[in-house]
């Protein structure tokens, strides 16, 4: 992984955490999180698993939150978040979600 890929990954994770933290207060016990469909090993839709999903579940589980993962293309994730259909969007930031 190159330095620019690593930087992009870190920024994406921070963006996801920011969106997660701003959504938690209204979400209740279940958080619906939209992930990309093809992002192995970070997200693997066919097995409902991946590094990012495991991190979110491990971080939010002890706080009483269940992560419900949904998988969709980039543009649909943004639209679903803006319309309130999902609580959190992974690998996007405030600049790309608007």
C-alpha atoms as a PDB file:
ATOM      1  CA  UNK A   1       0.000   0.000   0.000  1.00  0.00           C
ATOM      2  CA  UNK A   2       1.420   3.350  -1.007  1.00  0.00           C
ATOM      3  CA  UNK A   3       1.577   6.348   1.292  1.00  0.00           C
ATOM      4  CA  UNK A   4      -1.195   8.130  -0.628  1.00  0.00           C
ATOM      5  CA  UNK A   5      -3.433   5.034  -0.373  1.00  0.00           C
ATOM      6  CA  UNK A   6      -2.748   4.856   3.351  1.00  0.00           C
ATOM      7  CA  UNK A   7      -3.521   8.562   3.760  1.00  0.00           C
ATOM      8  CA  UNK A   8      -6.774   8.125   1.822  1.00  0.00           C
ATOM      9  CA  UNK A   9      -7.732   5.156   3.985  1.00  0.00           C
ATOM     10  CA  UNK A  10      -7.058   7.082   7.199  1.00  0.00           C
ATOM     11  CA  UNK A  11      -9.060  10.076   5.970  1.00  0.00           C
ATOM     12  CA  UNK A  12     -11.910   7.802   4.947  1.00  0.00           C
ATOM     13  CA  UNK A  13     -11.922   6.093   8.337  1.00  0.00           C
ATOM     14  CA  UNK A  14     -11.893   9.433  10.140  1.00  0.00           C
ATOM     15  CA  UNK A  15     -14.750  10.646   7.966  1.00  0.00           C
ATOM     16  CA  UNK A  16     -16.740   7.508   8.742  1.00  0.00           C
ATOM     17  CA  UNK A  17     -16.099   7.944  12.467  1.00  0.00           C
ATOM     18  CA  UNK A  18     -17.162  11.589  12.305  1.00  0.00           C
ATOM     19  CA  UNK A  19     -20.402  10.657  10.587  1.00  0.00           C
ATOM     20  CA  UNK A  20     -20.900   7.801  13.019  1.00  0.00           C
ATOM     21  CA  UNK A  21     -20.420  10.006  16.057  1.00  0.00           C
ATOM     22  CA  UNK A  22     -22.852  12.619  14.770  1.00  0.00           C
ATOM     23  CA  UNK A  23     -25.466   9.923  14.053  1.00  0.00           C
ATOM     24  CA  UNK A  24     -25.217   7.925  17.276  1.00  0.00           C
ATOM     25  CA  UNK A  25     -27.376  10.215  19.385  1.00  0.00           C
ATOM     26  CA  UNK A  26     -30.410   9.740  17.125  1.00  0.00           C
ATOM     27  CA  UNK A  27     -29.898   6.158  15.999  1.00  0.00           C
ATOM     28  CA  UNK A  28     -30.932   4.108  19.047  1.00  0.00           C
ATOM     29  CA  UNK A  29     -29.453   0.660  19.458  1.00  0.00           C
ATOM     30  CA  UNK A  30     -29.158  -0.305  15.779  1.00  0.00           C
ATOM     31  CA  UNK A  31     -26.999   1.667  13.358  1.00  0.00           C
ATOM     32  CA  UNK A  32     -27.478   1.089   9.646  1.00  0.00           C
ATOM     33  CA  UNK A  33     -24.105   1.621   7.983  1.00  0.00           C
ATOM     34  CA  UNK A  34     -23.679   1.774   4.205  1.00  0.00           C
ATOM     35  CA  UNK A  35     -20.479   0.291   2.806  1.00  0.00           C
ATOM     36  CA  UNK A  36     -19.164  -0.084  -0.721  1.00  0.00           C
ATOM     37  CA  UNK A  37     -19.776  -3.381  -2.441  1.00  0.00           C
ATOM     38  CA  UNK A  38     -16.238  -4.201  -3.581  1.00  0.00           C
ATOM     39  CA  UNK A  39     -13.521  -3.084  -1.166  1.00  0.00           C
ATOM     40  CA  UNK A  40     -11.772  -6.289  -0.038  1.00  0.00           C
ATOM     41  CA  UNK A  41     -10.256  -6.781   2.494  1.00  0.00           C
ATOM     42  CA  UNK A  42     -11.825  -3.675   4.061  1.00  0.00           C
ATOM     43  CA  UNK A  43     -15.398  -4.637   3.164  1.00  0.00           C
ATOM     44  CA  UNK A  44     -16.577  -7.968   1.766  1.00  0.00           C
ATOM     45  CA  UNK A  45     -20.294  -7.840   1.021  1.00  0.00           C
ATOM     46  CA  UNK A  46     -20.528 -11.526   0.092  1.00  0.00           C
ATOM     47  CA  UNK A  47     -19.516 -12.564   3.632  1.00  0.00           C
ATOM     48  CA  UNK A  48     -20.855  -9.510   5.516  1.00  0.00           C
ATOM     49  CA  UNK A  49     -17.362  -9.022   6.906  1.00  0.00           C
ATOM     50  CA  UNK A  50     -14.183  -7.009   6.499  1.00  0.00           C
ATOM     51  CA  UNK A  51     -11.669  -4.947   8.444  1.00  0.00           C
ATOM     52  CA  UNK A  52     -13.743  -1.749   8.589  1.00  0.00           C
ATOM     53  CA  UNK A  53     -16.908  -3.640   9.558  1.00  0.00           C
ATOM     54  CA  UNK A  54     -15.068  -5.523  12.314  1.00  0.00           C
ATOM     55  CA  UNK A  55     -13.621  -2.269  13.688  1.00  0.00           C
ATOM     56  CA  UNK A  56     -17.044  -0.600  13.807  1.00  0.00           C
ATOM     57  CA  UNK A  57     -18.690  -3.617  15.437  1.00  0.00           C
ATOM     58  CA  UNK A  58     -15.883  -3.929  17.998  1.00  0.00           C
ATOM     59  CA  UNK A  59     -16.004  -0.223  18.840  1.00  0.00           C
ATOM     60  CA  UNK A  60     -19.772   0.188  18.997  1.00  0.00           C
ATOM     61  CA  UNK A  61     -20.774  -3.198  20.435  1.00  0.00           C
ATOM     62  CA  UNK A  62     -19.632  -2.434  23.997  1.00  0.00           C
ATOM     63  CA  UNK A  63     -21.692   0.774  23.846  1.00  0.00           C
ATOM     64  CA  UNK A  64     -24.828  -1.230  23.097  1.00  0.00           C
ATOM     65  CA  UNK A  65     -25.035  -0.600  19.360  1.00  0.00           C
ATOM     66  CA  UNK A  66     -25.556  -3.215  16.686  1.00  0.00           C
ATOM     67  CA  UNK A  67     -24.126  -2.507  13.247  1.00  0.00           C
ATOM     68  CA  UNK A  68     -26.429  -3.427  10.383  1.00  0.00           C
ATOM     69  CA  UNK A  69     -24.305  -3.366   7.243  1.00  0.00           C
ATOM     70  CA  UNK A  70     -25.819  -2.554   3.868  1.00  0.00           C
ATOM     71  CA  UNK A  71     -23.859  -2.518   0.637  1.00  0.00           C
ATOM     72  CA  UNK A  72     -24.368  -0.116  -2.233  1.00  0.00           C
ATOM     73  CA  UNK A  73     -22.472   1.913  -4.824  1.00  0.00           C
ATOM     74  CA  UNK A  74     -20.912   5.276  -3.911  1.00  0.00           C
ATOM     75  CA  UNK A  75     -23.655   7.527  -5.339  1.00  0.00           C
ATOM     76  CA  UNK A  76     -26.452   5.522  -3.719  1.00  0.00           C
ATOM     77  CA  UNK A  77     -24.708   5.685  -0.318  1.00  0.00           C
ATOM     78  CA  UNK A  78     -24.568   9.464  -0.495  1.00  0.00           C
ATOM     79  CA  UNK A  79     -28.218   9.742  -1.564  1.00  0.00           C
ATOM     80  CA  UNK A  80     -29.392   7.264   1.092  1.00  0.00           C
ATOM     81  CA  UNK A  81     -27.583   9.199   3.821  1.00  0.00           C
ATOM     82  CA  UNK A  82     -28.981  12.555   2.722  1.00  0.00           C
ATOM     83  CA  UNK A  83     -32.531  11.154   2.609  1.00  0.00           C
ATOM     84  CA  UNK A  84     -32.188   9.609   6.078  1.00  0.00           C
ATOM     85  CA  UNK A  85     -32.395   6.016   4.858  1.00  0.00           C
ATOM     86  CA  UNK A  86     -29.169   5.079   6.625  1.00  0.00           C
ATOM     87  CA  UNK A  87     -27.431   6.329   9.747  1.00  0.00           C
ATOM     88  CA  UNK A  88     -23.779   6.216   8.672  1.00  0.00           C
ATOM     89  CA  UNK A  89     -21.817   6.118   5.413  1.00  0.00           C
ATOM     90  CA  UNK A  90     -18.432   4.438   5.346  1.00  0.00           C
ATOM     91  CA  UNK A  91     -15.410   5.717   3.377  1.00  0.00           C
ATOM     92  CA  UNK A  92     -16.893   9.137   2.672  1.00  0.00           C
ATOM     93  CA  UNK A  93     -16.211  12.494   4.276  1.00  0.00           C
ATOM     94  CA  UNK A  94     -18.052  15.770   4.673  1.00  0.00           C
ATOM     95  CA  UNK A  95     -16.749  17.006   1.316  1.00  0.00           C
ATOM     96  CA  UNK A  96     -18.026  14.002  -0.635  1.00  0.00           C
ATOM     97  CA  UNK A  97     -21.330  13.486   1.185  1.00  0.00           C
ATOM     98  CA  UNK A  98     -22.761  16.917   0.352  1.00  0.00           C
END
